[in-house]
């Protein structure tokens, strides 16, 4: 039997990658949500002040850029939820698919190549 997790409880997840975010966007239905980071993104990706090891910091910076690119293409809404002092949940919410757009894969791959 699986124990129930109380509403509002934060569950630690492995760090999402930009490719995993793209994959999620490609299959997500409008209104679906995914938390792609929890912390303070602006600080966590800045080389001089981030406490993350360099490979993780770069991976997080790529993830942040992927989320921003998906937002700019109209694929997701980006929202934040305060979870504590100087700590936020960064959430992507899937938008309805654009009707006249090229394939979603092409849009996402174009963003990754840029």
PDB file of N, CA and C in Angstrom:
ATOM      1  N   UNK A   1       0.840  -1.172   0.000  1.00  0.00           N
ATOM      2  CA  UNK A   1       0.000   0.000   0.000  1.00  0.00           C
ATOM      3  C   UNK A   1       0.887   1.237   0.000  1.00  0.00           C
ATOM      4  N   UNK A   2       0.552   2.247  -0.829  1.00  0.00           N
ATOM      5  CA  UNK A   2       1.322   3.479  -0.924  1.00  0.00           C
ATOM      6  C   UNK A   2       0.752   4.493   0.047  1.00  0.00           C
ATOM      7  N   UNK A   3       1.637   5.121   0.819  1.00  0.00           N
ATOM      8  CA  UNK A   3       1.186   6.126   1.780  1.00  0.00           C
ATOM      9  C   UNK A   3       0.741   7.387   1.046  1.00  0.00           C
ATOM     10  N   UNK A   4      -0.325   7.994   1.509  1.00  0.00           N
ATOM     11  CA  UNK A   4      -0.811   9.245   0.913  1.00  0.00           C
ATOM     12  C   UNK A   4       0.108  10.385   1.315  1.00  0.00           C
ATOM     13  N   UNK A   5       0.290  11.327   0.399  1.00  0.00           N
ATOM     14  CA  UNK A   5       1.097  12.507   0.683  1.00  0.00           C
ATOM     15  C   UNK A   5       0.129  13.659   0.918  1.00  0.00           C
ATOM     16  N   UNK A   6       0.222  14.314   2.080  1.00  0.00           N
ATOM     17  CA  UNK A   6      -0.712  15.408   2.373  1.00  0.00           C
ATOM     18  C   UNK A   6      -0.632  16.516   1.320  1.00  0.00           C
ATOM     19  N   UNK A   7      -1.754  17.154   1.042  1.00  0.00           N
ATOM     20  CA  UNK A   7      -1.802  18.270   0.093  1.00  0.00           C
ATOM     21  C   UNK A   7      -0.874  19.368   0.593  1.00  0.00           C
ATOM     22  N   UNK A   8      -0.123  19.950  -0.318  1.00  0.00           N
ATOM     23  CA  UNK A   8       0.782  21.047   0.029  1.00  0.00           C
ATOM     24  C   UNK A   8       2.177  20.582   0.393  1.00  0.00           C
ATOM     25  N   UNK A   9       2.374  19.269   0.541  1.00  0.00           N
ATOM     26  CA  UNK A   9       3.691  18.748   0.860  1.00  0.00           C
ATOM     27  C   UNK A   9       4.554  18.756  -0.401  1.00  0.00           C
ATOM     28  N   UNK A  10       5.762  19.245  -0.301  1.00  0.00           N
ATOM     29  CA  UNK A  10       6.679  19.294  -1.433  1.00  0.00           C
ATOM     30  C   UNK A  10       7.472  17.987  -1.455  1.00  0.00           C
ATOM     31  N   UNK A  11       7.528  17.372  -2.618  1.00  0.00           N
ATOM     32  CA  UNK A  11       8.241  16.120  -2.787  1.00  0.00           C
ATOM     33  C   UNK A  11       9.496  16.400  -3.606  1.00  0.00           C
ATOM     34  N   UNK A  12      10.659  15.993  -3.092  1.00  0.00           N
ATOM     35  CA  UNK A  12      11.910  16.215  -3.827  1.00  0.00           C
ATOM     36  C   UNK A  12      11.925  15.341  -5.074  1.00  0.00           C
ATOM     37  N   UNK A  13      12.290  15.952  -6.190  1.00  0.00           N
ATOM     38  CA  UNK A  13      12.376  15.233  -7.456  1.00  0.00           C
ATOM     39  C   UNK A  13      13.775  15.393  -8.004  1.00  0.00           C
ATOM     40  N   UNK A  14      14.197  14.459  -8.840  1.00  0.00           N
ATOM     41  CA  UNK A  14      15.484  14.655  -9.505  1.00  0.00           C
ATOM     42  C   UNK A  14      15.413  15.901 -10.381  1.00  0.00           C
ATOM     43  N   UNK A  15      16.544  16.567 -10.577  1.00  0.00           N
ATOM     44  CA  UNK A  15      16.580  17.783 -11.400  1.00  0.00           C
ATOM     45  C   UNK A  15      16.177  17.460 -12.832  1.00  0.00           C
ATOM     46  N   UNK A  16      15.261  18.244 -13.360  1.00  0.00           N
ATOM     47  CA  UNK A  16      14.769  18.104 -14.721  1.00  0.00           C
ATOM     48  C   UNK A  16      15.818  18.654 -15.686  1.00  0.00           C
ATOM     49  N   UNK A  17      15.934  18.083 -16.869  1.00  0.00           N
ATOM     50  CA  UNK A  17      16.835  18.609 -17.897  1.00  0.00           C
ATOM     51  C   UNK A  17      16.016  19.348 -18.948  1.00  0.00           C
ATOM     52  N   UNK A  18      16.701  20.112 -19.797  1.00  0.00           N
ATOM     53  CA  UNK A  18      15.998  20.822 -20.858  1.00  0.00           C
ATOM     54  C   UNK A  18      15.317  19.842 -21.807  1.00  0.00           C
ATOM     55  N   UNK A  19      15.966  18.736 -22.107  1.00  0.00           N
ATOM     56  CA  UNK A  19      15.374  17.730 -23.007  1.00  0.00           C
ATOM     57  C   UNK A  19      14.124  17.117 -22.375  1.00  0.00           C
ATOM     58  N   UNK A  20      14.168  16.846 -21.086  1.00  0.00           N
ATOM     59  CA  UNK A  20      12.990  16.305 -20.401  1.00  0.00           C
ATOM     60  C   UNK A  20      11.847  17.321 -20.384  1.00  0.00           C
ATOM     61  N   UNK A  21      12.174  18.607 -20.234  1.00  0.00           N
ATOM     62  CA  UNK A  21      11.135  19.634 -20.292  1.00  0.00           C
ATOM     63  C   UNK A  21      10.507  19.662 -21.680  1.00  0.00           C
ATOM     64  N   UNK A  22      11.336  19.619 -22.735  1.00  0.00           N
ATOM     65  CA  UNK A  22      10.805  19.587 -24.096  1.00  0.00           C
ATOM     66  C   UNK A  22       9.894  18.373 -24.300  1.00  0.00           C
ATOM     67  N   UNK A  23      10.310  17.229 -23.797  1.00  0.00           N
ATOM     68  CA  UNK A  23       9.506  16.011 -23.941  1.00  0.00           C
ATOM     69  C   UNK A  23       8.170  16.178 -23.221  1.00  0.00           C
ATOM     70  N   UNK A  24       8.210  16.771 -22.038  1.00  0.00           N
ATOM     71  CA  UNK A  24       6.971  16.993 -21.290  1.00  0.00           C
ATOM     72  C   UNK A  24       6.049  17.923 -22.073  1.00  0.00           C
ATOM     73  N   UNK A  25       6.592  19.028 -22.594  1.00  0.00           N
ATOM     74  CA  UNK A  25       5.780  19.985 -23.350  1.00  0.00           C
ATOM     75  C   UNK A  25       5.136  19.298 -24.551  1.00  0.00           C
ATOM     76  N   UNK A  26       5.875  18.428 -25.221  1.00  0.00           N
ATOM     77  CA  UNK A  26       5.377  17.757 -26.426  1.00  0.00           C
ATOM     78  C   UNK A  26       4.169  16.872 -26.145  1.00  0.00           C
ATOM     79  N   UNK A  27       4.063  16.334 -24.933  1.00  0.00           N
ATOM     80  CA  UNK A  27       2.948  15.424 -24.646  1.00  0.00           C
ATOM     81  C   UNK A  27       1.923  15.989 -23.671  1.00  0.00           C
ATOM     82  N   UNK A  28       2.196  17.157 -23.079  1.00  0.00           N
ATOM     83  CA  UNK A  28       1.306  17.701 -22.046  1.00  0.00           C
ATOM     84  C   UNK A  28       0.019  18.255 -22.641  1.00  0.00           C
ATOM     85  N   UNK A  29      -1.062  18.046 -21.940  1.00  0.00           N
ATOM     86  CA  UNK A  29      -2.347  18.613 -22.339  1.00  0.00           C
ATOM     87  C   UNK A  29      -2.456  20.013 -21.747  1.00  0.00           C
ATOM     88  N   UNK A  30      -3.237  20.858 -22.382  1.00  0.00           N
ATOM     89  CA  UNK A  30      -3.424  22.228 -21.906  1.00  0.00           C
ATOM     90  C   UNK A  30      -3.834  22.226 -20.433  1.00  0.00           C
ATOM     91  N   UNK A  31      -3.156  23.049 -19.644  1.00  0.00           N
ATOM     92  CA  UNK A  31      -3.451  23.150 -18.216  1.00  0.00           C
ATOM     93  C   UNK A  31      -2.573  22.277 -17.341  1.00  0.00           C
ATOM     94  N   UNK A  32      -1.868  21.305 -17.932  1.00  0.00           N
ATOM     95  CA  UNK A  32      -0.970  20.460 -17.140  1.00  0.00           C
ATOM     96  C   UNK A  32       0.179  21.318 -16.619  1.00  0.00           C
ATOM     97  N   UNK A  33       0.690  20.984 -15.437  1.00  0.00           N
ATOM     98  CA  UNK A  33       1.754  21.765 -14.800  1.00  0.00           C
ATOM     99  C   UNK A  33       2.940  20.876 -14.466  1.00  0.00           C
ATOM    100  N   UNK A  34       4.132  21.473 -14.548  1.00  0.00           N
ATOM    101  CA  UNK A  34       5.326  20.777 -14.097  1.00  0.00           C
ATOM    102  C   UNK A  34       6.218  21.780 -13.385  1.00  0.00           C
ATOM    103  N   UNK A  35       6.737  21.388 -12.234  1.00  0.00           N
ATOM    104  CA  UNK A  35       7.695  22.218 -11.512  1.00  0.00           C
ATOM    105  C   UNK A  35       9.075  21.889 -12.059  1.00  0.00           C
ATOM    106  N   UNK A  36       9.720  22.871 -12.668  1.00  0.00           N
ATOM    107  CA  UNK A  36      11.017  22.605 -13.275  1.00  0.00           C
ATOM    108  C   UNK A  36      12.187  23.051 -12.405  1.00  0.00           C
ATOM    109  N   UNK A  37      11.926  23.817 -11.348  1.00  0.00           N
ATOM    110  CA  UNK A  37      12.987  24.176 -10.404  1.00  0.00           C
ATOM    111  C   UNK A  37      12.364  24.658  -9.120  1.00  0.00           C
ATOM    112  N   UNK A  38      13.060  24.449  -8.031  1.00  0.00           N
ATOM    113  CA  UNK A  38      12.660  25.004  -6.740  1.00  0.00           C
ATOM    114  C   UNK A  38      13.906  25.612  -6.115  1.00  0.00           C
ATOM    115  N   UNK A  39      13.861  26.889  -5.835  1.00  0.00           N
ATOM    116  CA  UNK A  39      15.004  27.616  -5.294  1.00  0.00           C
ATOM    117  C   UNK A  39      14.853  29.079  -5.652  1.00  0.00           C
ATOM    118  N   UNK A  40      15.959  29.700  -6.059  1.00  0.00           N
ATOM    119  CA  UNK A  40      15.946  31.090  -6.519  1.00  0.00           C
ATOM    120  C   UNK A  40      16.723  31.092  -7.821  1.00  0.00           C
ATOM    121  N   UNK A  41      16.001  30.936  -8.929  1.00  0.00           N
ATOM    122  CA  UNK A  41      16.611  30.667 -10.235  1.00  0.00           C
ATOM    123  C   UNK A  41      17.672  31.688 -10.617  1.00  0.00           C
ATOM    124  N   UNK A  42      17.388  32.971 -10.425  1.00  0.00           N
ATOM    125  CA  UNK A  42      18.349  34.007 -10.797  1.00  0.00           C
ATOM    126  C   UNK A  42      19.681  33.850 -10.090  1.00  0.00           C
ATOM    127  N   UNK A  43      19.649  33.465  -8.843  1.00  0.00           N
ATOM    128  CA  UNK A  43      20.881  33.245  -8.073  1.00  0.00           C
ATOM    129  C   UNK A  43      21.483  31.892  -8.420  1.00  0.00           C
ATOM    130  N   UNK A  44      20.647  30.880  -8.544  1.00  0.00           N
ATOM    131  CA  UNK A  44      21.141  29.519  -8.770  1.00  0.00           C
ATOM    132  C   UNK A  44      21.870  29.345 -10.096  1.00  0.00           C
ATOM    133  N   UNK A  45      21.607  30.216 -11.085  1.00  0.00           N
ATOM    134  CA  UNK A  45      22.279  30.079 -12.386  1.00  0.00           C
ATOM    135  C   UNK A  45      23.434  31.064 -12.569  1.00  0.00           C
ATOM    136  N   UNK A  46      23.648  31.960 -11.617  1.00  0.00           N
ATOM    137  CA  UNK A  46      24.701  32.969 -11.736  1.00  0.00           C
ATOM    138  C   UNK A  46      26.018  32.404 -11.232  1.00  0.00           C
ATOM    139  N   UNK A  47      27.052  32.345 -12.104  1.00  0.00           N
ATOM    140  CA  UNK A  47      28.311  31.683 -11.747  1.00  0.00           C
ATOM    141  C   UNK A  47      28.957  32.179 -10.454  1.00  0.00           C
ATOM    142  N   UNK A  48      28.991  33.460 -10.209  1.00  0.00           N
ATOM    143  CA  UNK A  48      29.723  33.991  -9.059  1.00  0.00           C
ATOM    144  C   UNK A  48      29.043  33.688  -7.729  1.00  0.00           C
ATOM    145  N   UNK A  49      27.708  33.590  -7.726  1.00  0.00           N
ATOM    146  CA  UNK A  49      27.004  33.447  -6.446  1.00  0.00           C
ATOM    147  C   UNK A  49      26.272  32.123  -6.263  1.00  0.00           C
ATOM    148  N   UNK A  50      26.176  31.323  -7.299  1.00  0.00           N
ATOM    149  CA  UNK A  50      25.481  30.044  -7.177  1.00  0.00           C
ATOM    150  C   UNK A  50      26.277  29.097  -6.280  1.00  0.00           C
ATOM    151  N   UNK A  51      25.554  28.328  -5.488  1.00  0.00           N
ATOM    152  CA  UNK A  51      26.207  27.318  -4.650  1.00  0.00           C
ATOM    153  C   UNK A  51      26.198  25.941  -5.310  1.00  0.00           C
ATOM    154  N   UNK A  52      25.647  25.864  -6.519  1.00  0.00           N
ATOM    155  CA  UNK A  52      25.589  24.587  -7.232  1.00  0.00           C
ATOM    156  C   UNK A  52      26.943  24.267  -7.856  1.00  0.00           C
ATOM    157  N   UNK A  53      27.285  22.984  -7.943  1.00  0.00           N
ATOM    158  CA  UNK A  53      28.484  22.606  -8.695  1.00  0.00           C
ATOM    159  C   UNK A  53      28.321  23.067 -10.153  1.00  0.00           C
ATOM    160  N   UNK A  54      29.411  23.419 -10.802  1.00  0.00           N
ATOM    161  CA  UNK A  54      29.365  24.005 -12.132  1.00  0.00           C
ATOM    162  C   UNK A  54      28.547  23.205 -13.149  1.00  0.00           C
ATOM    163  N   UNK A  55      28.698  21.872 -13.236  1.00  0.00           N
ATOM    164  CA  UNK A  55      27.877  21.144 -14.223  1.00  0.00           C
ATOM    165  C   UNK A  55      26.379  21.286 -13.947  1.00  0.00           C
ATOM    166  N   UNK A  56      25.983  21.255 -12.677  1.00  0.00           N
ATOM    167  CA  UNK A  56      24.566  21.403 -12.328  1.00  0.00           C
ATOM    168  C   UNK A  56      24.082  22.821 -12.610  1.00  0.00           C
ATOM    169  N   UNK A  57      24.935  23.816 -12.352  1.00  0.00           N
ATOM    170  CA  UNK A  57      24.570  25.205 -12.609  1.00  0.00           C
ATOM    171  C   UNK A  57      24.321  25.416 -14.100  1.00  0.00           C
ATOM    172  N   UNK A  58      25.209  24.874 -14.944  1.00  0.00           N
ATOM    173  CA  UNK A  58      25.040  25.010 -16.391  1.00  0.00           C
ATOM    174  C   UNK A  58      23.787  24.283 -16.865  1.00  0.00           C
ATOM    175  N   UNK A  59      23.540  23.100 -16.320  1.00  0.00           N
ATOM    176  CA  UNK A  59      22.334  22.335 -16.690  1.00  0.00           C
ATOM    177  C   UNK A  59      21.077  23.120 -16.304  1.00  0.00           C
ATOM    178  N   UNK A  60      21.095  23.740 -15.132  1.00  0.00           N
ATOM    179  CA  UNK A  60      19.951  24.535 -14.697  1.00  0.00           C
ATOM    180  C   UNK A  60      19.787  25.772 -15.573  1.00  0.00           C
ATOM    181  N   UNK A  61      20.884  26.401 -15.966  1.00  0.00           N
ATOM    182  CA  UNK A  61      20.806  27.561 -16.857  1.00  0.00           C
ATOM    183  C   UNK A  61      20.190  27.152 -18.198  1.00  0.00           C
ATOM    184  N   UNK A  62      20.584  25.986 -18.717  1.00  0.00           N
ATOM    185  CA  UNK A  62      19.996  25.478 -19.967  1.00  0.00           C
ATOM    186  C   UNK A  62      18.499  25.224 -19.796  1.00  0.00           C
ATOM    187  N   UNK A  63      18.120  24.675 -18.654  1.00  0.00           N
ATOM    188  CA  UNK A  63      16.715  24.401 -18.370  1.00  0.00           C
ATOM    189  C   UNK A  63      15.921  25.704 -18.315  1.00  0.00           C
ATOM    190  N   UNK A  64      16.472  26.708 -17.640  1.00  0.00           N
ATOM    191  CA  UNK A  64      15.799  28.001 -17.567  1.00  0.00           C
ATOM    192  C   UNK A  64      15.621  28.623 -18.949  1.00  0.00           C
ATOM    193  N   UNK A  65      16.648  28.518 -19.795  1.00  0.00           N
ATOM    194  CA  UNK A  65      16.557  29.040 -21.155  1.00  0.00           C
ATOM    195  C   UNK A  65      15.526  28.260 -21.978  1.00  0.00           C
ATOM    196  N   UNK A  66      15.453  26.955 -21.764  1.00  0.00           N
ATOM    197  CA  UNK A  66      14.464  26.137 -22.474  1.00  0.00           C
ATOM    198  C   UNK A  66      13.044  26.551 -22.080  1.00  0.00           C
ATOM    199  N   UNK A  67      12.825  26.773 -20.781  1.00  0.00           N
ATOM    200  CA  UNK A  67      11.507  27.197 -20.309  1.00  0.00           C
ATOM    201  C   UNK A  67      11.153  28.562 -20.900  1.00  0.00           C
ATOM    202  N   UNK A  68      12.101  29.486 -20.893  1.00  0.00           N
ATOM    203  CA  UNK A  68      11.857  30.815 -21.451  1.00  0.00           C
ATOM    204  C   UNK A  68      11.559  30.734 -22.952  1.00  0.00           C
ATOM    205  N   UNK A  69      12.314  29.915 -23.663  1.00  0.00           N
ATOM    206  CA  UNK A  69      12.077  29.755 -25.102  1.00  0.00           C
ATOM    207  C   UNK A  69      10.702  29.180 -25.395  1.00  0.00           C
ATOM    208  N   UNK A  70      10.278  28.194 -24.597  1.00  0.00           N
ATOM    209  CA  UNK A  70       8.943  27.609 -24.782  1.00  0.00           C
ATOM    210  C   UNK A  70       7.863  28.646 -24.498  1.00  0.00           C
ATOM    211  N   UNK A  71       8.106  29.493 -23.505  1.00  0.00           N
ATOM    212  CA  UNK A  71       7.166  30.574 -23.209  1.00  0.00           C
ATOM    213  C   UNK A  71       7.088  31.547 -24.386  1.00  0.00           C
ATOM    214  N   UNK A  72       8.243  31.929 -24.921  1.00  0.00           N
ATOM    215  CA  UNK A  72       8.273  32.885 -26.036  1.00  0.00           C
ATOM    216  C   UNK A  72       7.586  32.331 -27.283  1.00  0.00           C
ATOM    217  N   UNK A  73       7.558  31.021 -27.434  1.00  0.00           N
ATOM    218  CA  UNK A  73       6.885  30.393 -28.569  1.00  0.00           C
ATOM    219  C   UNK A  73       5.400  30.146 -28.296  1.00  0.00           C
ATOM    220  N   UNK A  74       4.933  30.530 -27.109  1.00  0.00           N
ATOM    221  CA  UNK A  74       3.519  30.388 -26.777  1.00  0.00           C
ATOM    222  C   UNK A  74       3.117  28.985 -26.381  1.00  0.00           C
ATOM    223  N   UNK A  75       4.081  28.156 -25.972  1.00  0.00           N
ATOM    224  CA  UNK A  75       3.774  26.767 -25.633  1.00  0.00           C
ATOM    225  C   UNK A  75       3.420  26.571 -24.161  1.00  0.00           C
ATOM    226  N   UNK A  76       3.927  27.452 -23.291  1.00  0.00           N
ATOM    227  CA  UNK A  76       3.677  27.337 -21.850  1.00  0.00           C
ATOM    228  C   UNK A  76       3.504  28.726 -21.248  1.00  0.00           C
ATOM    229  N   UNK A  77       2.858  28.759 -20.098  1.00  0.00           N
ATOM    230  CA  UNK A  77       2.873  29.925 -19.215  1.00  0.00           C
ATOM    231  C   UNK A  77       3.930  29.601 -18.167  1.00  0.00           C
ATOM    232  N   UNK A  78       4.665  30.587 -17.713  1.00  0.00           N
ATOM    233  CA  UNK A  78       5.627  30.383 -16.635  1.00  0.00           C
ATOM    234  C   UNK A  78       5.134  31.131 -15.403  1.00  0.00           C
ATOM    235  N   UNK A  79       5.043  30.423 -14.295  1.00  0.00           N
ATOM    236  CA  UNK A  79       4.585  31.029 -13.049  1.00  0.00           C
ATOM    237  C   UNK A  79       5.528  30.637 -11.921  1.00  0.00           C
ATOM    238  N   UNK A  80       5.465  31.429 -10.862  1.00  0.00           N
ATOM    239  CA  UNK A  80       6.252  31.146  -9.665  1.00  0.00           C
ATOM    240  C   UNK A  80       5.319  31.070  -8.471  1.00  0.00           C
ATOM    241  N   UNK A  81       5.699  30.227  -7.531  1.00  0.00           N
ATOM    242  CA  UNK A  81       4.956  30.125  -6.282  1.00  0.00           C
ATOM    243  C   UNK A  81       5.969  30.234  -5.150  1.00  0.00           C
ATOM    244  N   UNK A  82       5.751  31.194  -4.253  1.00  0.00           N
ATOM    245  CA  UNK A  82       6.668  31.349  -3.115  1.00  0.00           C
ATOM    246  C   UNK A  82       6.480  30.166  -2.177  1.00  0.00           C
ATOM    247  N   UNK A  83       7.582  29.512  -1.838  1.00  0.00           N
ATOM    248  CA  UNK A  83       7.507  28.372  -0.922  1.00  0.00           C
ATOM    249  C   UNK A  83       8.259  28.640   0.381  1.00  0.00           C
ATOM    250  N   UNK A  84       8.919  29.793   0.463  1.00  0.00           N
ATOM    251  CA  UNK A  84       9.649  30.169   1.664  1.00  0.00           C
ATOM    252  C   UNK A  84      10.463  31.415   1.392  1.00  0.00           C
ATOM    253  N   UNK A  85      11.190  31.895   2.396  1.00  0.00           N
ATOM    254  CA  UNK A  85      12.019  33.074   2.180  1.00  0.00           C
ATOM    255  C   UNK A  85      13.065  32.804   1.085  1.00  0.00           C
ATOM    256  N   UNK A  86      13.090  33.638   0.068  1.00  0.00           N
ATOM    257  CA  UNK A  86      14.047  33.506  -1.037  1.00  0.00           C
ATOM    258  C   UNK A  86      14.008  32.134  -1.703  1.00  0.00           C
ATOM    259  N   UNK A  87      12.852  31.519  -1.729  1.00  0.00           N
ATOM    260  CA  UNK A  87      12.700  30.190  -2.328  1.00  0.00           C
ATOM    261  C   UNK A  87      11.359  30.138  -3.062  1.00  0.00           C
ATOM    262  N   UNK A  88      11.428  29.727  -4.328  1.00  0.00           N
ATOM    263  CA  UNK A  88      10.252  29.712  -5.175  1.00  0.00           C
ATOM    264  C   UNK A  88      10.171  28.408  -5.944  1.00  0.00           C
ATOM    265  N   UNK A  89       8.938  27.991  -6.236  1.00  0.00           N
ATOM    266  CA  UNK A  89       8.717  26.882  -7.166  1.00  0.00           C
ATOM    267  C   UNK A  89       8.499  27.520  -8.533  1.00  0.00           C
ATOM    268  N   UNK A  90       9.266  27.090  -9.524  1.00  0.00           N
ATOM    269  CA  UNK A  90       9.145  27.584 -10.892  1.00  0.00           C
ATOM    270  C   UNK A  90       8.339  26.547 -11.668  1.00  0.00           C
ATOM    271  N   UNK A  91       7.220  26.977 -12.223  1.00  0.00           N
ATOM    272  CA  UNK A  91       6.242  26.052 -12.794  1.00  0.00           C
ATOM    273  C   UNK A  91       5.934  26.446 -14.241  1.00  0.00           C
ATOM    274  N   UNK A  92       5.926  25.457 -15.108  1.00  0.00           N
ATOM    275  CA  UNK A  92       5.480  25.645 -16.490  1.00  0.00           C
ATOM    276  C   UNK A  92       4.086  25.048 -16.591  1.00  0.00           C
ATOM    277  N   UNK A  93       3.163  25.809 -17.197  1.00  0.00           N
ATOM    278  CA  UNK A  93       1.790  25.356 -17.407  1.00  0.00           C
ATOM    279  C   UNK A  93       1.574  25.259 -18.911  1.00  0.00           C
ATOM    280  N   UNK A  94       1.223  24.069 -19.381  1.00  0.00           N
ATOM    281  CA  UNK A  94       1.037  23.842 -20.817  1.00  0.00           C
ATOM    282  C   UNK A  94      -0.133  24.672 -21.341  1.00  0.00           C
ATOM    283  N   UNK A  95       0.084  25.296 -22.484  1.00  0.00           N
ATOM    284  CA  UNK A  95      -0.958  26.057 -23.168  1.00  0.00           C
ATOM    285  C   UNK A  95      -1.560  25.185 -24.259  1.00  0.00           C
ATOM    286  N   UNK A  96      -2.735  25.573 -24.747  1.00  0.00           N
ATOM    287  CA  UNK A  96      -3.295  24.834 -25.894  1.00  0.00           C
ATOM    288  C   UNK A  96      -2.329  24.913 -27.072  1.00  0.00           C
ATOM    289  N   UNK A  97      -2.282  23.877 -27.879  1.00  0.00           N
ATOM    290  CA  UNK A  97      -1.382  23.829 -29.029  1.00  0.00           C
ATOM    291  C   UNK A  97      -1.763  24.893 -30.054  1.00  0.00           C
ATOM    292  N   UNK A  98      -0.766  25.596 -30.605  1.00  0.00           N
ATOM    293  CA  UNK A  98      -1.085  26.540 -31.688  1.00  0.00           C
ATOM    294  C   UNK A  98      -1.600  25.780 -32.907  1.00  0.00           C
ATOM    295  N   UNK A  99      -2.655  26.275 -33.544  1.00  0.00           N
ATOM    296  CA  UNK A  99      -3.257  25.557 -34.668  1.00  0.00           C
ATOM    297  C   UNK A  99      -2.399  25.604 -35.922  1.00  0.00           C
ATOM    298  N   UNK A 100      -1.891  26.769 -36.275  1.00  0.00           N
ATOM    299  CA  UNK A 100      -1.212  26.935 -37.556  1.00  0.00           C
ATOM    300  C   UNK A 100       0.297  26.787 -37.447  1.00  0.00           C
ATOM    301  N   UNK A 101       0.780  26.309 -36.325  1.00  0.00           N
ATOM    302  CA  UNK A 101       2.232  26.218 -36.129  1.00  0.00           C
ATOM    303  C   UNK A 101       2.806  24.995 -36.830  1.00  0.00           C
ATOM    304  N   UNK A 102       4.107  25.048 -37.059  1.00  0.00           N
ATOM    305  CA  UNK A 102       4.819  23.879 -37.563  1.00  0.00           C
ATOM    306  C   UNK A 102       4.725  22.800 -36.493  1.00  0.00           C
ATOM    307  N   UNK A 103       5.303  21.670 -36.741  1.00  0.00           N
ATOM    308  CA  UNK A 103       5.220  20.602 -35.746  1.00  0.00           C
ATOM    309  C   UNK A 103       5.846  21.068 -34.435  1.00  0.00           C
ATOM    310  N   UNK A 104       5.310  20.591 -33.347  1.00  0.00           N
ATOM    311  CA  UNK A 104       5.815  20.949 -32.032  1.00  0.00           C
ATOM    312  C   UNK A 104       7.274  20.548 -31.895  1.00  0.00           C
ATOM    313  N   UNK A 105       7.626  19.395 -32.415  1.00  0.00           N
ATOM    314  CA  UNK A 105       9.025  18.946 -32.353  1.00  0.00           C
ATOM    315  C   UNK A 105       9.941  19.936 -33.051  1.00  0.00           C
ATOM    316  N   UNK A 106       9.521  20.446 -34.203  1.00  0.00           N
ATOM    317  CA  UNK A 106      10.336  21.410 -34.939  1.00  0.00           C
ATOM    318  C   UNK A 106      10.517  22.692 -34.138  1.00  0.00           C
ATOM    319  N   UNK A 107       9.440  23.162 -33.500  1.00  0.00           N
ATOM    320  CA  UNK A 107       9.537  24.371 -32.669  1.00  0.00           C
ATOM    321  C   UNK A 107      10.521  24.169 -31.525  1.00  0.00           C
ATOM    322  N   UNK A 108      10.433  23.032 -30.851  1.00  0.00           N
ATOM    323  CA  UNK A 108      11.297  22.786 -29.704  1.00  0.00           C
ATOM    324  C   UNK A 108      12.745  22.570 -30.127  1.00  0.00           C
ATOM    325  N   UNK A 109      12.961  21.856 -31.220  1.00  0.00           N
ATOM    326  CA  UNK A 109      14.316  21.624 -31.697  1.00  0.00           C
ATOM    327  C   UNK A 109      14.939  22.929 -32.159  1.00  0.00           C
ATOM    328  N   UNK A 110      14.162  23.799 -32.775  1.00  0.00           N
ATOM    329  CA  UNK A 110      14.655  25.118 -33.192  1.00  0.00           C
ATOM    330  C   UNK A 110      15.140  25.882 -31.982  1.00  0.00           C
ATOM    331  N   UNK A 111      14.411  25.828 -30.873  1.00  0.00           N
ATOM    332  CA  UNK A 111      14.798  26.512 -29.650  1.00  0.00           C
ATOM    333  C   UNK A 111      16.085  25.934 -29.092  1.00  0.00           C
ATOM    334  N   UNK A 112      16.223  24.634 -29.133  1.00  0.00           N
ATOM    335  CA  UNK A 112      17.420  23.986 -28.585  1.00  0.00           C
ATOM    336  C   UNK A 112      18.653  24.336 -29.399  1.00  0.00           C
ATOM    337  N   UNK A 113      18.508  24.493 -30.700  1.00  0.00           N
ATOM    338  CA  UNK A 113      19.638  24.798 -31.583  1.00  0.00           C
ATOM    339  C   UNK A 113      20.091  26.244 -31.428  1.00  0.00           C
ATOM    340  N   UNK A 114      19.195  27.109 -31.006  1.00  0.00           N
ATOM    341  CA  UNK A 114      19.526  28.544 -30.898  1.00  0.00           C
ATOM    342  C   UNK A 114      20.488  28.841 -29.780  1.00  0.00           C
TER     343      UNK A 114
END
